[in-house]
Amino acid sequence: MPTLVRSPAEMESSPRNLYEMCGAAVFVESNSISRNLSTTMGDLWEIIANISPYTVSPERDFGLKITGIDSIIFCGGKGEPVFAQIKTQRNTLTGSQAPRSKRELELHQHRIFAAAFCTGGGWTFSSASIPRVCGAEFWTMVGLEYELLKFHVKQMILKIQSAYVSLQQEPPILK
């Protein structure tokens, strides 16, 4: 975690965000850690979805990158394959990302935009032609139990938070 934060001199000479510009080291560190965790966990939802016998990860299973597609779902092992883009929550996308996601998904006849967890906030992705699913609806499609997943994700995040708090109580590492 400490390696995610640059030195005060680096932050002052070329700030990468508002927190660095202001020298708010605590916010810089927490923002870096939070962003790093979010990115890593986004990959984790794809890996968990791929545990299902009803999903295929083109990249992990075949080394084939399909732009904008995280998983191919065979709902209950039947029907047409559904091409899915998976995000952590409904409001994950920024305004500039939504049109790109829409273009990527529209290339496929059967497609969905999935939010792994139903949290507060509205959708930042909308399309009349691309269905959206959230939380239990998504995980049921892939044959995994949402409540069990939520329980373990909560335990994981609280454990990471506990480790972070413990790290904060240790003396600083001098370079």
N, C-alpha and C. Protein backbone atom coordinates (compact mmCIF):
# COMPACT_ATOMS: atom_id res chain seq x y z
N MET A 1 0.80 -1.21 0.00
CA MET A 1 0.00 0.00 0.00
C MET A 1 0.84 1.28 0.00
N PRO A 2 1.90 1.33 0.80
CA PRO A 2 2.70 2.56 0.79
C PRO A 2 3.30 2.88 -0.58
N THR A 3 3.52 1.89 -1.42
CA THR A 3 4.11 2.14 -2.73
C THR A 3 3.14 2.83 -3.68
N LEU A 4 1.86 2.91 -3.32
CA LEU A 4 0.87 3.56 -4.17
C LEU A 4 0.95 5.09 -4.08
N VAL A 5 1.66 5.59 -3.08
CA VAL A 5 1.72 7.03 -2.85
C VAL A 5 3.10 7.55 -3.22
N ARG A 6 3.11 8.66 -3.92
CA ARG A 6 4.38 9.28 -4.33
C ARG A 6 4.90 10.19 -3.22
N SER A 7 6.15 10.56 -3.33
CA SER A 7 6.77 11.43 -2.33
C SER A 7 6.17 12.84 -2.41
N PRO A 8 6.27 13.61 -1.33
CA PRO A 8 5.76 14.99 -1.36
C PRO A 8 6.39 15.82 -2.49
N ALA A 9 7.66 15.60 -2.76
CA ALA A 9 8.33 16.35 -3.84
C ALA A 9 7.74 16.00 -5.20
N GLU A 10 7.48 14.71 -5.43
CA GLU A 10 6.87 14.29 -6.70
C GLU A 10 5.47 14.87 -6.85
N MET A 11 4.71 14.85 -5.77
CA MET A 11 3.35 15.39 -5.82
C MET A 11 3.36 16.88 -6.11
N GLU A 12 4.29 17.59 -5.49
CA GLU A 12 4.36 19.04 -5.67
C GLU A 12 4.80 19.42 -7.09
N SER A 13 5.76 18.69 -7.61
CA SER A 13 6.30 19.05 -8.93
C SER A 13 5.34 18.71 -10.07
N SER A 14 4.59 17.64 -9.95
CA SER A 14 3.64 17.28 -11.01
C SER A 14 2.43 16.54 -10.41
N PRO A 15 1.51 17.29 -9.83
CA PRO A 15 0.35 16.65 -9.19
C PRO A 15 -0.54 15.93 -10.21
N ARG A 16 -1.00 14.72 -9.84
CA ARG A 16 -1.86 13.93 -10.72
C ARG A 16 -3.33 14.12 -10.41
N ASN A 17 -3.64 14.70 -9.26
CA ASN A 17 -5.03 14.95 -8.92
C ASN A 17 -5.12 16.09 -7.90
N LEU A 18 -6.31 16.45 -7.54
CA LEU A 18 -6.53 17.58 -6.65
C LEU A 18 -5.89 17.34 -5.27
N TYR A 19 -5.95 16.11 -4.78
CA TYR A 19 -5.37 15.82 -3.47
C TYR A 19 -3.86 16.03 -3.47
N GLU A 20 -3.19 15.57 -4.53
CA GLU A 20 -1.74 15.79 -4.63
C GLU A 20 -1.44 17.28 -4.75
N MET A 21 -2.21 17.99 -5.53
CA MET A 21 -1.99 19.42 -5.71
C MET A 21 -2.06 20.16 -4.37
N CYS A 22 -2.94 19.71 -3.50
CA CYS A 22 -3.12 20.36 -2.20
C CYS A 22 -2.20 19.81 -1.12
N GLY A 23 -1.47 18.74 -1.42
CA GLY A 23 -0.59 18.14 -0.42
C GLY A 23 -1.35 17.38 0.65
N ALA A 24 -2.56 16.91 0.35
CA ALA A 24 -3.39 16.17 1.30
C ALA A 24 -3.01 14.69 1.26
N ALA A 25 -1.91 14.36 1.90
CA ALA A 25 -1.30 13.03 1.81
C ALA A 25 -2.25 11.91 2.24
N VAL A 26 -3.06 12.13 3.27
CA VAL A 26 -3.98 11.09 3.73
C VAL A 26 -5.01 10.78 2.65
N PHE A 27 -5.55 11.84 2.01
CA PHE A 27 -6.51 11.64 0.94
C PHE A 27 -5.86 11.03 -0.30
N VAL A 28 -4.63 11.42 -0.58
CA VAL A 28 -3.90 10.84 -1.71
C VAL A 28 -3.77 9.33 -1.50
N GLU A 29 -3.35 8.95 -0.32
CA GLU A 29 -3.15 7.53 -0.03
C GLU A 29 -4.47 6.77 -0.08
N SER A 30 -5.50 7.28 0.58
CA SER A 30 -6.77 6.55 0.61
C SER A 30 -7.38 6.49 -0.79
N ASN A 31 -7.25 7.55 -1.58
CA ASN A 31 -7.77 7.55 -2.95
C ASN A 31 -7.01 6.52 -3.81
N SER A 32 -5.70 6.46 -3.67
CA SER A 32 -4.90 5.50 -4.44
C SER A 32 -5.27 4.07 -4.08
N ILE A 33 -5.41 3.81 -2.80
CA ILE A 33 -5.75 2.46 -2.36
C ILE A 33 -7.15 2.09 -2.83
N SER A 34 -8.08 2.98 -2.68
CA SER A 34 -9.46 2.73 -3.08
C SER A 34 -9.55 2.44 -4.58
N ARG A 35 -8.87 3.23 -5.39
CA ARG A 35 -8.89 3.03 -6.84
C ARG A 35 -8.24 1.70 -7.22
N ASN A 36 -7.12 1.39 -6.57
CA ASN A 36 -6.43 0.13 -6.83
C ASN A 36 -7.32 -1.06 -6.47
N LEU A 37 -7.97 -0.98 -5.32
CA LEU A 37 -8.88 -2.06 -4.90
C LEU A 37 -10.04 -2.19 -5.86
N SER A 38 -10.62 -1.08 -6.29
CA SER A 38 -11.76 -1.12 -7.20
C SER A 38 -11.40 -1.81 -8.51
N THR A 39 -10.25 -1.48 -9.05
CA THR A 39 -9.80 -2.10 -10.30
C THR A 39 -9.59 -3.60 -10.11
N THR A 40 -8.91 -3.96 -9.05
CA THR A 40 -8.64 -5.36 -8.77
C THR A 40 -9.93 -6.14 -8.55
N MET A 41 -10.86 -5.54 -7.81
CA MET A 41 -12.11 -6.23 -7.55
C MET A 41 -12.97 -6.34 -8.80
N GLY A 42 -12.87 -5.39 -9.71
CA GLY A 42 -13.59 -5.51 -10.99
C GLY A 42 -13.17 -6.77 -11.72
N ASP A 43 -11.88 -7.06 -11.70
CA ASP A 43 -11.38 -8.30 -12.30
C ASP A 43 -11.88 -9.52 -11.53
N LEU A 44 -11.99 -9.38 -10.21
CA LEU A 44 -12.43 -10.49 -9.37
C LEU A 44 -13.85 -10.93 -9.71
N TRP A 45 -14.76 -9.99 -10.00
CA TRP A 45 -16.15 -10.37 -10.31
C TRP A 45 -16.18 -11.21 -11.59
N GLU A 46 -15.32 -10.87 -12.53
CA GLU A 46 -15.23 -11.64 -13.77
C GLU A 46 -14.72 -13.06 -13.48
N ILE A 47 -13.72 -13.16 -12.63
CA ILE A 47 -13.17 -14.47 -12.27
C ILE A 47 -14.22 -15.31 -11.56
N ILE A 48 -14.96 -14.69 -10.64
CA ILE A 48 -16.00 -15.42 -9.90
C ILE A 48 -17.10 -15.87 -10.86
N ALA A 49 -17.53 -14.98 -11.76
CA ALA A 49 -18.56 -15.37 -12.73
C ALA A 49 -18.10 -16.57 -13.56
N ASN A 50 -16.81 -16.63 -13.84
CA ASN A 50 -16.27 -17.71 -14.66
C ASN A 50 -16.20 -19.05 -13.91
N ILE A 51 -16.46 -19.04 -12.62
CA ILE A 51 -16.53 -20.30 -11.86
C ILE A 51 -17.73 -21.11 -12.33
N SER A 52 -18.76 -20.42 -12.76
CA SER A 52 -20.00 -21.06 -13.17
C SER A 52 -19.80 -21.97 -14.38
N PRO A 53 -20.52 -23.09 -14.40
CA PRO A 53 -20.46 -23.93 -15.60
C PRO A 53 -21.23 -23.30 -16.78
N TYR A 54 -21.93 -22.19 -16.52
CA TYR A 54 -22.72 -21.53 -17.56
C TYR A 54 -22.02 -20.33 -18.18
N THR A 55 -20.76 -20.11 -17.84
CA THR A 55 -20.05 -18.96 -18.38
C THR A 55 -18.72 -19.38 -19.02
N VAL A 56 -18.30 -18.53 -19.93
CA VAL A 56 -17.01 -18.68 -20.57
C VAL A 56 -16.35 -17.31 -20.54
N SER A 57 -15.09 -17.29 -20.18
CA SER A 57 -14.32 -16.07 -20.28
C SER A 57 -13.46 -16.21 -21.53
N PRO A 58 -13.79 -15.46 -22.60
CA PRO A 58 -13.01 -15.62 -23.83
C PRO A 58 -11.51 -15.43 -23.61
N GLU A 59 -11.17 -14.44 -22.78
CA GLU A 59 -9.76 -14.14 -22.56
C GLU A 59 -9.07 -15.21 -21.71
N ARG A 60 -9.69 -15.58 -20.60
CA ARG A 60 -9.06 -16.54 -19.69
C ARG A 60 -9.12 -17.97 -20.23
N ASP A 61 -10.24 -18.31 -20.87
CA ASP A 61 -10.41 -19.69 -21.34
C ASP A 61 -9.74 -19.96 -22.68
N PHE A 62 -9.67 -18.94 -23.55
CA PHE A 62 -9.17 -19.17 -24.90
C PHE A 62 -8.06 -18.21 -25.33
N GLY A 63 -7.71 -17.26 -24.46
CA GLY A 63 -6.71 -16.27 -24.82
C GLY A 63 -7.20 -15.34 -25.92
N LEU A 64 -8.51 -15.19 -26.03
CA LEU A 64 -9.12 -14.39 -27.08
C LEU A 64 -9.78 -13.16 -26.47
N LYS A 65 -9.33 -11.98 -26.84
CA LYS A 65 -9.88 -10.73 -26.32
C LYS A 65 -11.02 -10.28 -27.22
N ILE A 66 -12.23 -10.20 -26.65
CA ILE A 66 -13.38 -9.64 -27.35
C ILE A 66 -13.63 -8.29 -26.69
N THR A 67 -13.35 -7.22 -27.39
CA THR A 67 -13.43 -5.88 -26.82
C THR A 67 -14.78 -5.65 -26.16
N GLY A 68 -14.72 -5.25 -24.88
CA GLY A 68 -15.93 -4.91 -24.14
C GLY A 68 -16.70 -6.08 -23.59
N ILE A 69 -16.21 -7.30 -23.79
CA ILE A 69 -16.92 -8.48 -23.31
C ILE A 69 -16.09 -9.16 -22.23
N ASP A 70 -16.70 -9.28 -21.05
CA ASP A 70 -16.02 -9.90 -19.92
C ASP A 70 -16.37 -11.37 -19.78
N SER A 71 -17.59 -11.73 -20.20
CA SER A 71 -18.05 -13.09 -20.03
C SER A 71 -19.10 -13.41 -21.08
N ILE A 72 -19.16 -14.68 -21.46
CA ILE A 72 -20.24 -15.16 -22.31
C ILE A 72 -21.04 -16.12 -21.46
N ILE A 73 -22.35 -15.85 -21.36
CA ILE A 73 -23.21 -16.60 -20.45
C ILE A 73 -24.17 -17.48 -21.25
N PHE A 74 -24.27 -18.73 -20.82
CA PHE A 74 -25.27 -19.64 -21.34
C PHE A 74 -26.27 -19.85 -20.19
N CYS A 75 -27.29 -19.01 -20.14
CA CYS A 75 -28.24 -18.98 -19.02
C CYS A 75 -28.83 -20.36 -18.75
N GLY A 76 -28.48 -20.91 -17.61
CA GLY A 76 -28.95 -22.24 -17.24
C GLY A 76 -28.46 -23.33 -18.17
N GLY A 77 -27.44 -23.03 -18.96
CA GLY A 77 -26.90 -24.01 -19.89
C GLY A 77 -27.73 -24.16 -21.15
N LYS A 78 -28.68 -23.25 -21.35
CA LYS A 78 -29.57 -23.35 -22.50
C LYS A 78 -29.58 -22.05 -23.29
N GLY A 79 -30.09 -22.13 -24.49
CA GLY A 79 -30.32 -20.94 -25.29
C GLY A 79 -29.07 -20.38 -25.94
N GLU A 80 -29.25 -19.19 -26.47
CA GLU A 80 -28.18 -18.49 -27.16
C GLU A 80 -27.16 -17.94 -26.16
N PRO A 81 -25.90 -17.85 -26.57
CA PRO A 81 -24.91 -17.22 -25.68
C PRO A 81 -25.21 -15.72 -25.54
N VAL A 82 -25.05 -15.22 -24.33
CA VAL A 82 -25.28 -13.81 -24.03
C VAL A 82 -23.93 -13.18 -23.71
N PHE A 83 -23.59 -12.13 -24.44
CA PHE A 83 -22.32 -11.44 -24.26
C PHE A 83 -22.50 -10.37 -23.18
N ALA A 84 -21.67 -10.44 -22.13
CA ALA A 84 -21.86 -9.56 -20.98
C ALA A 84 -20.64 -8.70 -20.70
N GLN A 85 -20.94 -7.46 -20.34
CA GLN A 85 -19.93 -6.57 -19.79
C GLN A 85 -20.30 -6.44 -18.31
N ILE A 86 -19.34 -6.68 -17.43
CA ILE A 86 -19.61 -6.72 -15.99
C ILE A 86 -18.90 -5.55 -15.31
N LYS A 87 -19.64 -4.79 -14.54
CA LYS A 87 -19.10 -3.71 -13.73
C LYS A 87 -19.44 -3.99 -12.28
N THR A 88 -18.81 -3.30 -11.37
CA THR A 88 -19.05 -3.54 -9.95
C THR A 88 -20.45 -3.12 -9.52
N GLN A 89 -20.86 -1.93 -9.93
CA GLN A 89 -22.17 -1.42 -9.51
C GLN A 89 -22.78 -0.58 -10.62
N ARG A 90 -24.05 -0.21 -10.45
CA ARG A 90 -24.80 0.49 -11.50
C ARG A 90 -24.18 1.81 -11.92
N ASN A 91 -23.52 2.50 -11.00
CA ASN A 91 -23.00 3.83 -11.31
C ASN A 91 -21.49 3.84 -11.54
N THR A 92 -20.95 2.73 -12.02
CA THR A 92 -19.50 2.61 -12.22
C THR A 92 -18.99 3.46 -13.38
N LEU A 93 -19.74 3.53 -14.47
CA LEU A 93 -19.24 4.21 -15.66
C LEU A 93 -19.30 5.73 -15.52
N THR A 94 -18.31 6.39 -16.09
CA THR A 94 -18.37 7.84 -16.22
C THR A 94 -19.12 8.16 -17.51
N GLY A 95 -19.49 9.39 -17.68
CA GLY A 95 -20.23 9.80 -18.86
C GLY A 95 -19.53 9.47 -20.16
N SER A 96 -18.21 9.57 -20.18
CA SER A 96 -17.47 9.31 -21.42
C SER A 96 -17.34 7.81 -21.70
N GLN A 97 -17.49 6.96 -20.68
CA GLN A 97 -17.33 5.52 -20.88
C GLN A 97 -18.60 4.85 -21.40
N ALA A 98 -19.76 5.39 -21.05
CA ALA A 98 -21.03 4.76 -21.41
C ALA A 98 -21.21 4.58 -22.92
N PRO A 99 -20.95 5.60 -23.76
CA PRO A 99 -21.12 5.40 -25.20
C PRO A 99 -20.21 4.30 -25.76
N ARG A 100 -19.00 4.20 -25.23
CA ARG A 100 -18.09 3.15 -25.69
C ARG A 100 -18.63 1.77 -25.32
N SER A 101 -19.12 1.61 -24.10
CA SER A 101 -19.70 0.33 -23.67
C SER A 101 -20.88 -0.04 -24.55
N LYS A 102 -21.69 0.93 -24.86
CA LYS A 102 -22.86 0.69 -25.72
C LYS A 102 -22.41 0.20 -27.11
N ARG A 103 -21.42 0.87 -27.71
CA ARG A 103 -20.90 0.46 -29.03
C ARG A 103 -20.36 -0.97 -28.99
N GLU A 104 -19.62 -1.28 -27.93
CA GLU A 104 -19.01 -2.61 -27.81
C GLU A 104 -20.08 -3.70 -27.69
N LEU A 105 -21.09 -3.46 -26.90
CA LEU A 105 -22.14 -4.46 -26.69
C LEU A 105 -23.06 -4.59 -27.89
N GLU A 106 -23.30 -3.50 -28.59
CA GLU A 106 -24.21 -3.54 -29.74
C GLU A 106 -23.71 -4.42 -30.88
N LEU A 107 -22.45 -4.81 -30.85
CA LEU A 107 -21.91 -5.70 -31.88
C LEU A 107 -22.47 -7.12 -31.77
N HIS A 108 -23.09 -7.42 -30.65
CA HIS A 108 -23.57 -8.78 -30.37
C HIS A 108 -25.09 -8.80 -30.29
N GLN A 109 -25.69 -9.84 -30.89
CA GLN A 109 -27.15 -9.92 -30.93
C GLN A 109 -27.73 -10.09 -29.53
N HIS A 110 -27.15 -10.95 -28.73
CA HIS A 110 -27.63 -11.20 -27.37
C HIS A 110 -26.59 -10.62 -26.42
N ARG A 111 -26.97 -9.60 -25.66
CA ARG A 111 -26.00 -8.89 -24.82
C ARG A 111 -26.68 -8.35 -23.58
N ILE A 112 -25.85 -8.15 -22.55
CA ILE A 112 -26.33 -7.49 -21.33
C ILE A 112 -25.21 -6.63 -20.74
N PHE A 113 -25.64 -5.65 -20.01
CA PHE A 113 -24.73 -4.84 -19.20
C PHE A 113 -25.06 -5.23 -17.77
N ALA A 114 -24.08 -5.76 -17.05
CA ALA A 114 -24.33 -6.30 -15.71
C ALA A 114 -23.60 -5.52 -14.63
N ALA A 115 -24.32 -5.26 -13.55
CA ALA A 115 -23.71 -4.71 -12.34
C ALA A 115 -23.66 -5.85 -11.33
N ALA A 116 -22.48 -6.18 -10.86
CA ALA A 116 -22.31 -7.31 -9.95
C ALA A 116 -23.07 -7.11 -8.64
N PHE A 117 -23.20 -5.86 -8.21
CA PHE A 117 -23.86 -5.58 -6.93
C PHE A 117 -24.84 -4.43 -7.08
N CYS A 118 -25.98 -4.57 -6.43
CA CYS A 118 -26.98 -3.51 -6.42
C CYS A 118 -26.69 -2.61 -5.21
N THR A 119 -26.10 -1.49 -5.48
CA THR A 119 -25.83 -0.51 -4.43
C THR A 119 -26.62 0.75 -4.77
N GLY A 120 -26.58 1.72 -3.87
CA GLY A 120 -27.28 2.98 -4.11
C GLY A 120 -26.80 3.65 -5.37
N GLY A 121 -27.56 4.59 -5.82
CA GLY A 121 -27.19 5.30 -7.03
C GLY A 121 -27.85 4.69 -8.25
N GLY A 122 -28.11 5.54 -9.21
CA GLY A 122 -28.76 5.08 -10.43
C GLY A 122 -27.77 4.55 -11.44
N TRP A 123 -28.31 4.05 -12.52
CA TRP A 123 -27.49 3.54 -13.61
C TRP A 123 -26.82 4.69 -14.34
N THR A 124 -25.56 4.50 -14.69
CA THR A 124 -24.87 5.47 -15.56
C THR A 124 -24.76 4.89 -16.97
N PHE A 125 -25.44 3.78 -17.21
CA PHE A 125 -25.50 3.16 -18.53
C PHE A 125 -26.96 2.97 -18.87
N SER A 126 -27.35 3.43 -20.04
CA SER A 126 -28.72 3.17 -20.48
C SER A 126 -28.73 2.95 -21.99
N SER A 127 -29.64 2.08 -22.40
CA SER A 127 -29.79 1.78 -23.81
C SER A 127 -31.14 1.09 -23.98
N ALA A 128 -31.86 1.50 -25.00
CA ALA A 128 -33.14 0.86 -25.29
C ALA A 128 -32.95 -0.56 -25.81
N SER A 129 -31.77 -0.86 -26.36
CA SER A 129 -31.55 -2.16 -26.98
C SER A 129 -30.65 -3.11 -26.17
N ILE A 130 -30.11 -2.63 -25.07
CA ILE A 130 -29.21 -3.48 -24.26
C ILE A 130 -29.79 -3.61 -22.85
N PRO A 131 -30.23 -4.82 -22.50
CA PRO A 131 -30.77 -5.02 -21.15
C PRO A 131 -29.70 -4.83 -20.08
N ARG A 132 -30.14 -4.39 -18.91
CA ARG A 132 -29.25 -4.26 -17.76
C ARG A 132 -29.74 -5.21 -16.68
N VAL A 133 -28.80 -5.80 -15.98
CA VAL A 133 -29.12 -6.66 -14.84
C VAL A 133 -28.23 -6.26 -13.68
N CYS A 134 -28.72 -6.52 -12.49
CA CYS A 134 -28.01 -6.07 -11.30
C CYS A 134 -28.10 -7.10 -10.19
N GLY A 135 -27.00 -7.32 -9.50
CA GLY A 135 -26.99 -8.15 -8.30
C GLY A 135 -27.52 -9.56 -8.53
N ALA A 136 -28.53 -9.91 -7.73
CA ALA A 136 -29.08 -11.28 -7.76
C ALA A 136 -29.53 -11.68 -9.16
N GLU A 137 -30.09 -10.75 -9.91
CA GLU A 137 -30.55 -11.08 -11.26
C GLU A 137 -29.38 -11.55 -12.13
N PHE A 138 -28.25 -10.87 -12.02
CA PHE A 138 -27.06 -11.28 -12.78
C PHE A 138 -26.52 -12.61 -12.29
N TRP A 139 -26.29 -12.73 -10.99
CA TRP A 139 -25.65 -13.94 -10.46
C TRP A 139 -26.54 -15.16 -10.65
N THR A 140 -27.87 -14.99 -10.65
CA THR A 140 -28.77 -16.11 -10.94
C THR A 140 -28.59 -16.57 -12.38
N MET A 141 -28.38 -15.63 -13.30
CA MET A 141 -28.14 -16.00 -14.70
C MET A 141 -26.94 -16.93 -14.84
N VAL A 142 -25.92 -16.67 -14.03
CA VAL A 142 -24.71 -17.50 -14.13
C VAL A 142 -24.73 -18.68 -13.17
N GLY A 143 -25.82 -18.81 -12.41
CA GLY A 143 -25.99 -19.97 -11.54
C GLY A 143 -25.25 -19.88 -10.21
N LEU A 144 -24.96 -18.66 -9.75
CA LEU A 144 -24.29 -18.49 -8.46
C LEU A 144 -25.21 -17.73 -7.50
N GLU A 145 -25.04 -18.01 -6.21
CA GLU A 145 -25.92 -17.43 -5.19
C GLU A 145 -25.42 -16.06 -4.74
N TYR A 146 -26.22 -15.05 -5.02
CA TYR A 146 -25.87 -13.66 -4.73
C TYR A 146 -25.64 -13.40 -3.24
N GLU A 147 -26.52 -13.89 -2.39
CA GLU A 147 -26.39 -13.61 -0.95
C GLU A 147 -25.11 -14.22 -0.38
N LEU A 148 -24.76 -15.40 -0.83
CA LEU A 148 -23.51 -16.03 -0.38
C LEU A 148 -22.31 -15.22 -0.86
N LEU A 149 -22.34 -14.80 -2.10
CA LEU A 149 -21.27 -13.97 -2.65
C LEU A 149 -21.16 -12.66 -1.87
N LYS A 150 -22.29 -12.00 -1.63
CA LYS A 150 -22.28 -10.74 -0.86
C LYS A 150 -21.68 -10.94 0.52
N PHE A 151 -22.02 -12.03 1.17
CA PHE A 151 -21.49 -12.31 2.50
C PHE A 151 -19.96 -12.39 2.46
N HIS A 152 -19.42 -13.12 1.51
CA HIS A 152 -17.96 -13.29 1.43
C HIS A 152 -17.26 -12.01 0.97
N VAL A 153 -17.88 -11.25 0.10
CA VAL A 153 -17.30 -9.98 -0.34
C VAL A 153 -17.23 -9.02 0.85
N LYS A 154 -18.28 -9.00 1.64
CA LYS A 154 -18.28 -8.14 2.83
C LYS A 154 -17.14 -8.53 3.77
N GLN A 155 -16.97 -9.82 4.01
CA GLN A 155 -15.89 -10.29 4.88
C GLN A 155 -14.53 -9.88 4.32
N MET A 156 -14.36 -10.02 3.01
CA MET A 156 -13.10 -9.67 2.36
C MET A 156 -12.79 -8.18 2.51
N ILE A 157 -13.78 -7.35 2.24
CA ILE A 157 -13.55 -5.90 2.31
C ILE A 157 -13.28 -5.45 3.74
N LEU A 158 -13.99 -6.01 4.69
CA LEU A 158 -13.74 -5.64 6.09
C LEU A 158 -12.36 -6.10 6.54
N LYS A 159 -11.90 -7.25 6.04
CA LYS A 159 -10.56 -7.73 6.36
C LYS A 159 -9.49 -6.81 5.76
N ILE A 160 -9.70 -6.36 4.54
CA ILE A 160 -8.77 -5.42 3.90
C ILE A 160 -8.75 -4.11 4.68
N GLN A 161 -9.93 -3.65 5.07
CA GLN A 161 -10.00 -2.41 5.84
C GLN A 161 -9.26 -2.54 7.17
N SER A 162 -9.43 -3.66 7.83
CA SER A 162 -8.75 -3.90 9.10
C SER A 162 -7.24 -3.88 8.91
N ALA A 163 -6.77 -4.51 7.85
CA ALA A 163 -5.33 -4.51 7.57
C ALA A 163 -4.83 -3.09 7.29
N TYR A 164 -5.62 -2.31 6.59
CA TYR A 164 -5.25 -0.91 6.29
C TYR A 164 -5.17 -0.10 7.58
N VAL A 165 -6.15 -0.26 8.46
CA VAL A 165 -6.15 0.47 9.73
C VAL A 165 -4.93 0.07 10.56
N SER A 166 -4.63 -1.22 10.59
CA SER A 166 -3.44 -1.69 11.33
C SER A 166 -2.17 -1.09 10.75
N LEU A 167 -2.09 -1.02 9.45
CA LEU A 167 -0.93 -0.43 8.79
C LEU A 167 -0.77 1.03 9.18
N GLN A 168 -1.88 1.73 9.29
CA GLN A 168 -1.84 3.16 9.66
C GLN A 168 -1.30 3.36 11.08
N GLN A 169 -1.44 2.37 11.92
CA GLN A 169 -1.01 2.50 13.30
C GLN A 169 0.47 2.15 13.49
N GLU A 170 1.09 1.61 12.42
CA GLU A 170 2.51 1.29 12.50
C GLU A 170 3.34 2.55 12.26
N PRO A 171 4.56 2.57 12.79
CA PRO A 171 5.43 3.73 12.53
C PRO A 171 5.72 3.86 11.04
N PRO A 172 5.88 5.06 10.53
CA PRO A 172 6.13 5.23 9.09
C PRO A 172 7.44 4.59 8.65
N ILE A 173 7.47 4.15 7.39
CA ILE A 173 8.67 3.57 6.80
C ILE A 173 9.49 4.72 6.24
N LEU A 174 10.69 4.85 6.70
CA LEU A 174 11.57 5.93 6.23
C LEU A 174 12.39 5.44 5.06
N LYS A 175 12.48 6.27 4.03
CA LYS A 175 13.24 5.89 2.82
C LYS A 175 14.63 6.43 2.89
